[in-house]
PDB file of N, CA and C in Angstrom:
ATOM      1  N   MET A   1     130.364  42.826 187.643  1.00  0.00           N
ATOM      2  CA  MET A   1     129.371  42.000 187.209  1.00  0.00           C
ATOM      3  C   MET A   1     128.688  42.328 187.312  1.00  0.00           C
ATOM      4  N   THR A   2     127.741  41.532 185.947  1.00  0.00           N
ATOM      5  CA  THR A   2     126.423  42.190 185.405  1.00  0.00           C
ATOM      6  C   THR A   2     125.502  40.618 186.095  1.00  0.00           C
ATOM      7  N   VAL A   3     124.634  41.113 186.659  1.00  0.00           N
ATOM      8  CA  VAL A   3     123.326  39.705 186.982  1.00  0.00           C
ATOM      9  C   VAL A   3     122.295  40.057 186.034  1.00  0.00           C
ATOM     10  N   HIS A   4     121.559  39.344 185.528  1.00  0.00           N
ATOM     11  CA  HIS A   4     120.563  39.494 184.914  1.00  0.00           C
ATOM     12  C   HIS A   4     119.363  38.210 185.558  1.00  0.00           C
ATOM     13  N   PHE A   5     118.090  38.762 185.658  1.00  0.00           N
ATOM     14  CA  PHE A   5     117.156  38.091 186.528  1.00  0.00           C
ATOM     15  C   PHE A   5     115.806  38.142 185.980  1.00  0.00           C
ATOM     16  N   LYS A   6     115.254  37.030 185.750  1.00  0.00           N
ATOM     17  CA  LYS A   6     114.300  36.954 184.805  1.00  0.00           C
ATOM     18  C   LYS A   6     112.917  36.311 185.653  1.00  0.00           C
ATOM     19  N   SER A   7     112.094  36.911 186.392  1.00  0.00           N
ATOM     20  CA  SER A   7     111.014  35.580 186.999  1.00  0.00           C
ATOM     21  C   SER A   7     109.512  36.426 186.512  1.00  0.00           C
ATOM     22  N   SER A   8     108.858  35.307 187.194  1.00  0.00           N
ATOM     23  CA  SER A   8     107.067  35.462 186.981  1.00  0.00           C
ATOM     24  C   SER A   8     106.489  34.545 187.790  1.00  0.00           C
ATOM     25  N   LEU A   9     105.819  35.464 188.361  1.00  0.00           N
ATOM     26  CA  LEU A   9     105.112  34.718 189.428  1.00  0.00           C
ATOM     27  C   LEU A   9     103.984  33.645 188.868  1.00  0.00           C
ATOM     28  N   GLU A  10     103.637  32.163 189.383  1.00  0.00           N
ATOM     29  CA  GLU A  10     102.644  31.771 189.307  1.00  0.00           C
ATOM     30  C   GLU A  10     102.664  31.066 190.057  1.00  0.00           C
ATOM     31  N   GLY A  11     101.244  31.198 190.737  1.00  0.00           N
ATOM     32  CA  GLY A  11     100.238  31.097 191.836  1.00  0.00           C
ATOM     33  C   GLY A  11     101.401  31.512 193.148  1.00  0.00           C
ATOM     34  N   PRO A  12     101.449  30.542 194.305  1.00  0.00           N
ATOM     35  CA  PRO A  12     102.289  30.902 195.389  1.00  0.00           C
ATOM     36  C   PRO A  12     103.729  30.946 195.207  1.00  0.00           C
ATOM     37  N   ASN A  13     103.898  30.460 194.291  1.00  0.00           N
ATOM     38  CA  ASN A  13     105.913  30.237 193.952  1.00  0.00           C
ATOM     39  C   ASN A  13     106.366  31.240 193.310  1.00  0.00           C
ATOM     40  N   LEU A  14     107.407  31.476 193.418  1.00  0.00           N
ATOM     41  CA  LEU A  14     108.404  32.457 192.098  1.00  0.00           C
ATOM     42  C   LEU A  14     109.490  31.501 191.744  1.00  0.00           C
ATOM     43  N   ARG A  15     108.953  31.931 190.284  1.00  0.00           N
ATOM     44  CA  ARG A  15     109.981  31.002 189.395  1.00  0.00           C
ATOM     45  C   ARG A  15     110.675  31.970 188.502  1.00  0.00           C
ATOM     46  N   GLY A  16     112.250  31.390 188.013  1.00  0.00           N
ATOM     47  CA  GLY A  16     112.750  32.614 187.573  1.00  0.00           C
ATOM     48  C   GLY A  16     114.580  32.389 187.206  1.00  0.00           C
ATOM     49  N   MET A  17     115.037  32.657 186.472  1.00  0.00           N
ATOM     50  CA  MET A  17     116.422  32.029 186.192  1.00  0.00           C
ATOM     51  C   MET A  17     117.297  33.891 186.179  1.00  0.00           C
ATOM     52  N   ALA A  18     118.517  33.282 187.228  1.00  0.00           N
ATOM     53  CA  ALA A  18     119.616  34.284 187.279  1.00  0.00           C
ATOM     54  C   ALA A  18     120.892  33.930 186.615  1.00  0.00           C
ATOM     55  N   ILE A  19     121.138  34.785 185.829  1.00  0.00           N
ATOM     56  CA  ILE A  19     122.581  34.199 185.056  1.00  0.00           C
ATOM     57  C   ILE A  19     123.641  35.160 185.656  1.00  0.00           C
ATOM     58  N   VAL A  20     124.658  34.810 186.372  1.00  0.00           N
ATOM     59  CA  VAL A  20     125.755  35.498 186.741  1.00  0.00           C
ATOM     60  C   VAL A  20     126.869  34.837 185.949  1.00  0.00           C
ATOM     61  N   SER A  21     127.975  35.531 186.346  1.00  0.00           N
ATOM     62  CA  SER A  21     129.331  34.820 186.013  1.00  0.00           C
ATOM     63  C   SER A  21     129.984  33.777 186.797  1.00  0.00           C
ATOM     64  N   GLU A  22     129.377  33.764 188.036  1.00  0.00           N
ATOM     65  CA  GLU A  22     130.287  32.759 188.738  1.00  0.00           C
ATOM     66  C   GLU A  22     129.956  32.599 190.060  1.00  0.00           C
ATOM     67  N   PRO A  23     129.246  31.084 190.594  1.00  0.00           N
ATOM     68  CA  PRO A  23     128.628  30.919 191.925  1.00  0.00           C
ATOM     69  C   PRO A  23     128.963  32.141 192.725  1.00  0.00           C
ATOM     70  N   GLU A  24     130.272  32.258 193.071  1.00  0.00           N
ATOM     71  CA  GLU A  24     130.932  33.246 194.398  1.00  0.00           C
ATOM     72  C   GLU A  24     129.946  34.330 193.893  1.00  0.00           C
ATOM     73  N   ALA A  25     130.001  35.188 192.820  1.00  0.00           N
ATOM     74  CA  ALA A  25     128.877  36.360 192.436  1.00  0.00           C
ATOM     75  C   ALA A  25     127.409  35.924 192.997  1.00  0.00           C
ATOM     76  N   ALA A  26     127.048  34.710 192.875  1.00  0.00           N
ATOM     77  CA  ALA A  26     125.465  34.634 193.100  1.00  0.00           C
ATOM     78  C   ALA A  26     125.750  34.594 194.760  1.00  0.00           C
ATOM     79  N   ALA A  27     126.456  34.159 195.545  1.00  0.00           N
ATOM     80  CA  ALA A  27     126.571  33.947 196.960  1.00  0.00           C
ATOM     81  C   ALA A  27     126.350  35.692 197.387  1.00  0.00           C
ATOM     82  N   ARG A  28     127.376  36.003 196.532  1.00  0.00           N
ATOM     83  CA  ARG A  28     127.625  37.729 197.441  1.00  0.00           C
ATOM     84  C   ARG A  28     126.078  38.232 197.164  1.00  0.00           C
ATOM     85  N   ILE A  29     125.174  38.095 196.332  1.00  0.00           N
ATOM     86  CA  ILE A  29     124.019  38.810 196.147  1.00  0.00           C
ATOM     87  C   ILE A  29     122.793  38.151 196.806  1.00  0.00           C
ATOM     88  N   GLY A  30     123.249  36.920 197.164  1.00  0.00           N
ATOM     89  CA  GLY A  30     122.092  36.322 197.911  1.00  0.00           C
ATOM     90  C   GLY A  30     121.582  35.234 197.620  1.00  0.00           C
ATOM     91  N   ILE A  31     121.734  34.977 196.154  1.00  0.00           N
ATOM     92  CA  ILE A  31     120.807  34.014 195.380  1.00  0.00           C
ATOM     93  C   ILE A  31     121.098  32.638 195.982  1.00  0.00           C
ATOM     94  N   ASN A  32     121.860  31.966 196.742  1.00  0.00           N
ATOM     95  CA  ASN A  32     122.296  30.887 197.131  1.00  0.00           C
ATOM     96  C   ASN A  32     121.260  30.375 198.408  1.00  0.00           C
ATOM     97  N   ARG A  33     120.740  31.598 198.914  1.00  0.00           N
ATOM     98  CA  ARG A  33     119.968  31.576 199.833  1.00  0.00           C
ATOM     99  C   ARG A  33     118.423  31.082 199.223  1.00  0.00           C
ATOM    100  N   ILE A  34     118.283  31.555 197.915  1.00  0.00           N
ATOM    101  CA  ILE A  34     116.661  31.039 197.395  1.00  0.00           C
ATOM    102  C   ILE A  34     116.824  29.687 197.215  1.00  0.00           C
ATOM    103  N   GLY A  35     118.108  29.397 196.246  1.00  0.00           N
ATOM    104  CA  GLY A  35     118.249  27.557 196.366  1.00  0.00           C
ATOM    105  C   GLY A  35     118.098  27.462 195.010  1.00  0.00           C
ATOM    106  N   GLY A  36     118.541  26.749 194.255  1.00  0.00           N
ATOM    107  CA  GLY A  36     118.362  26.298 192.920  1.00  0.00           C
ATOM    108  C   GLY A  36     119.603  25.338 192.699  1.00  0.00           C
ATOM    109  N   GLU A  37     119.442  25.011 191.439  1.00  0.00           N
ATOM    110  CA  GLU A  37     120.533  23.795 190.365  1.00  0.00           C
ATOM    111  C   GLU A  37     121.291  24.847 189.355  1.00  0.00           C
ATOM    112  N   TRP A  38     122.535  24.358 189.650  1.00  0.00           N
ATOM    113  CA  TRP A  38     123.446  25.150 188.612  1.00  0.00           C
ATOM    114  C   TRP A  38     123.656  24.006 187.531  1.00  0.00           C
ATOM    115  N   ILE A  39     123.405  24.630 186.067  1.00  0.00           N
ATOM    116  CA  ILE A  39     123.355  24.091 184.795  1.00  0.00           C
ATOM    117  C   ILE A  39     124.574  24.993 183.927  1.00  0.00           C
ATOM    118  N   ALA A  40     125.150  24.149 183.036  1.00  0.00           N
ATOM    119  CA  ALA A  40     125.990  25.166 181.852  1.00  0.00           C
ATOM    120  C   ALA A  40     125.283  25.658 181.200  1.00  0.00           C
ATOM    121  N   GLY A  41     125.990  26.736 180.824  1.00  0.00           N
ATOM    122  CA  GLY A  41     125.376  27.599 180.019  1.00  0.00           C
ATOM    123  C   GLY A  41     126.528  28.717 178.997  1.00  0.00           C
ATOM    124  N   SER A  42     125.708  28.754 177.782  1.00  0.00           N
ATOM    125  CA  SER A  42     127.022  29.522 177.165  1.00  0.00           C
ATOM    126  C   SER A  42     127.154  30.782 177.347  1.00  0.00           C
ATOM    127  N   SER A  43     126.436  31.280 178.225  1.00  0.00           N
ATOM    128  CA  SER A  43     127.140  32.811 178.889  1.00  0.00           C
ATOM    129  C   SER A  43     127.242  32.931 180.330  1.00  0.00           C
ATOM    130  N   GLY A  44     127.838  31.871 180.887  1.00  0.00           N
ATOM    131  CA  GLY A  44     128.186  31.640 182.308  1.00  0.00           C
ATOM    132  C   GLY A  44     127.404  30.623 182.638  1.00  0.00           C
ATOM    133  N   LYS A  45     127.126  31.072 184.235  1.00  0.00           N
ATOM    134  CA  LYS A  45     126.018  29.968 185.143  1.00  0.00           C
ATOM    135  C   LYS A  45     124.793  30.208 185.013  1.00  0.00           C
ATOM    136  N   PHE A  46     124.072  29.566 185.044  1.00  0.00           N
ATOM    137  CA  PHE A  46     122.646  29.647 185.175  1.00  0.00           C
ATOM    138  C   PHE A  46     121.949  28.867 186.407  1.00  0.00           C
ATOM    139  N   LEU A  47     121.250  30.000 186.867  1.00  0.00           N
ATOM    140  CA  LEU A  47     120.660  29.113 188.309  1.00  0.00           C
ATOM    141  C   LEU A  47     119.373  29.060 187.985  1.00  0.00           C
ATOM    142  N   LYS A  48     118.722  28.036 188.070  1.00  0.00           N
ATOM    143  CA  LYS A  48     117.231  27.320 188.110  1.00  0.00           C
ATOM    144  C   LYS A  48     116.549  27.718 189.196  1.00  0.00           C
ATOM    145  N   ILE A  49     115.814  28.425 189.550  1.00  0.00           N
ATOM    146  CA  ILE A  49     115.110  28.896 190.702  1.00  0.00           C
ATOM    147  C   ILE A  49     113.591  28.839 190.692  1.00  0.00           C
ATOM    148  N   ASP A  50     113.200  27.701 191.724  1.00  0.00           N
ATOM    149  CA  ASP A  50     111.854  27.346 191.848  1.00  0.00           C
ATOM    150  C   ASP A  50     111.951  27.249 193.426  1.00  0.00           C
ATOM    151  N   SER A  51     111.174  28.542 194.087  1.00  0.00           N
ATOM    152  CA  SER A  51     111.312  28.470 195.224  1.00  0.00           C
ATOM    153  C   SER A  51     110.013  29.008 195.954  1.00  0.00           C
ATOM    154  N   PRO A  52     109.464  29.053 197.134  1.00  0.00           N
ATOM    155  CA  PRO A  52     108.113  29.749 197.323  1.00  0.00           C
ATOM    156  C   PRO A  52     108.608  31.213 197.595  1.00  0.00           C
ATOM    157  N   SER A  53     107.582  32.187 197.527  1.00  0.00           N
ATOM    158  CA  SER A  53     107.657  33.277 197.633  1.00  0.00           C
ATOM    159  C   SER A  53     107.525  33.743 199.398  1.00  0.00           C
ATOM    160  N   THR A  54     108.415  34.547 199.413  1.00  0.00           N
ATOM    161  CA  THR A  54     108.616  35.096 200.804  1.00  0.00           C
ATOM    162  C   THR A  54     107.682  36.051 201.235  1.00  0.00           C
ATOM    163  N   GLY A  55     106.738  36.880 199.922  1.00  0.00           N
ATOM    164  CA  GLY A  55     105.778  37.715 200.667  1.00  0.00           C
ATOM    165  C   GLY A  55     105.335  38.640 199.695  1.00  0.00           C
TER     166      GLY A  55
END
């Protein structure tokens, strides 16, 4: 499985998007701990992330 992650720091928040082949795969790498919203994507599942930075 390949995961593409793109992120940028904006103030105290970490914003980005992870593109994974399936929700279960995202859970295995811990993306579900960050939280987000699954939306339909032509290349699989897109997880929109908007979460406070942990450090």
